[in-house]
């Protein structure tokens, strides 16, 4: 298993977790998927600012 495939524990405030939960497309969506989608949107925004 490569370093990229390993999982880690991230500690979040409950308020941050609630905000992530609000961004879920469906209830069973993982928080990892939510965060990856946020990163994609951010990268697109960053590219458009150039």
C-alpha atoms as a PDB file:
ATOM      1  CA  UNK A   1       0.000   0.000   0.000  1.00  0.00           C
ATOM      2  CA  UNK A   2       1.405   3.389  -0.935  1.00  0.00           C
ATOM      3  CA  UNK A   3       1.534   6.360   1.417  1.00  0.00           C
ATOM      4  CA  UNK A   4      -1.271   8.025  -0.564  1.00  0.00           C
ATOM      5  CA  UNK A   5      -3.660   5.117   0.061  1.00  0.00           C
ATOM      6  CA  UNK A   6      -3.218   5.071   3.828  1.00  0.00           C
ATOM      7  CA  UNK A   7      -5.897   6.578   6.020  1.00  0.00           C
ATOM      8  CA  UNK A   8      -5.422   8.824   8.992  1.00  0.00           C
ATOM      9  CA  UNK A   9      -7.549  10.292  11.729  1.00  0.00           C
ATOM     10  CA  UNK A  10      -8.460  13.961  11.534  1.00  0.00           C
ATOM     11  CA  UNK A  11      -9.788  15.830  14.548  1.00  0.00           C
ATOM     12  CA  UNK A  12     -12.503  18.399  13.850  1.00  0.00           C
ATOM     13  CA  UNK A  13     -14.659  20.648  15.939  1.00  0.00           C
ATOM     14  CA  UNK A  14     -18.288  19.486  16.083  1.00  0.00           C
ATOM     15  CA  UNK A  15     -19.317  22.713  14.342  1.00  0.00           C
ATOM     16  CA  UNK A  16     -17.017  21.878  11.411  1.00  0.00           C
ATOM     17  CA  UNK A  17     -18.424  18.367  11.234  1.00  0.00           C
ATOM     18  CA  UNK A  18     -21.967  19.777  11.123  1.00  0.00           C
ATOM     19  CA  UNK A  19     -20.992  22.070   8.239  1.00  0.00           C
ATOM     20  CA  UNK A  20     -19.491  19.142   6.330  1.00  0.00           C
ATOM     21  CA  UNK A  21     -22.628  17.096   6.978  1.00  0.00           C
ATOM     22  CA  UNK A  22     -24.723  19.879   5.440  1.00  0.00           C
ATOM     23  CA  UNK A  23     -22.657  19.605   2.254  1.00  0.00           C
ATOM     24  CA  UNK A  24     -23.315  15.898   1.768  1.00  0.00           C
ATOM     25  CA  UNK A  25     -25.150  15.114  -1.462  1.00  0.00           C
ATOM     26  CA  UNK A  26     -26.747  12.069   0.166  1.00  0.00           C
ATOM     27  CA  UNK A  27     -26.701  10.813   3.790  1.00  0.00           C
ATOM     28  CA  UNK A  28     -24.341   7.893   3.112  1.00  0.00           C
ATOM     29  CA  UNK A  29     -21.745  10.036   1.337  1.00  0.00           C
ATOM     30  CA  UNK A  30     -18.412   9.893   3.134  1.00  0.00           C
ATOM     31  CA  UNK A  31     -16.778  12.968   4.580  1.00  0.00           C
ATOM     32  CA  UNK A  32     -13.761  12.183   2.430  1.00  0.00           C
ATOM     33  CA  UNK A  33     -15.921  12.559  -0.684  1.00  0.00           C
ATOM     34  CA  UNK A  34     -17.260  15.881   0.613  1.00  0.00           C
ATOM     35  CA  UNK A  35     -13.753  17.175   1.289  1.00  0.00           C
ATOM     36  CA  UNK A  36     -12.476  16.006  -2.099  1.00  0.00           C
ATOM     37  CA  UNK A  37     -15.374  17.822  -3.802  1.00  0.00           C
ATOM     38  CA  UNK A  38     -14.546  20.986  -1.842  1.00  0.00           C
ATOM     39  CA  UNK A  39     -10.923  20.706  -2.943  1.00  0.00           C
ATOM     40  CA  UNK A  40     -11.981  20.304  -6.582  1.00  0.00           C
ATOM     41  CA  UNK A  41     -14.186  23.396  -6.391  1.00  0.00           C
ATOM     42  CA  UNK A  42     -11.378  25.346  -4.748  1.00  0.00           C
ATOM     43  CA  UNK A  43      -8.875  24.301  -7.425  1.00  0.00           C
ATOM     44  CA  UNK A  44     -11.306  25.321 -10.191  1.00  0.00           C
ATOM     45  CA  UNK A  45     -11.867  28.678  -8.485  1.00  0.00           C
ATOM     46  CA  UNK A  46      -8.129  29.194  -8.096  1.00  0.00           C
ATOM     47  CA  UNK A  47      -7.537  28.467 -11.797  1.00  0.00           C
ATOM     48  CA  UNK A  48     -10.290  30.875 -12.827  1.00  0.00           C
ATOM     49  CA  UNK A  49      -8.687  33.686 -10.823  1.00  0.00           C
ATOM     50  CA  UNK A  50      -5.536  33.648 -12.980  1.00  0.00           C
END
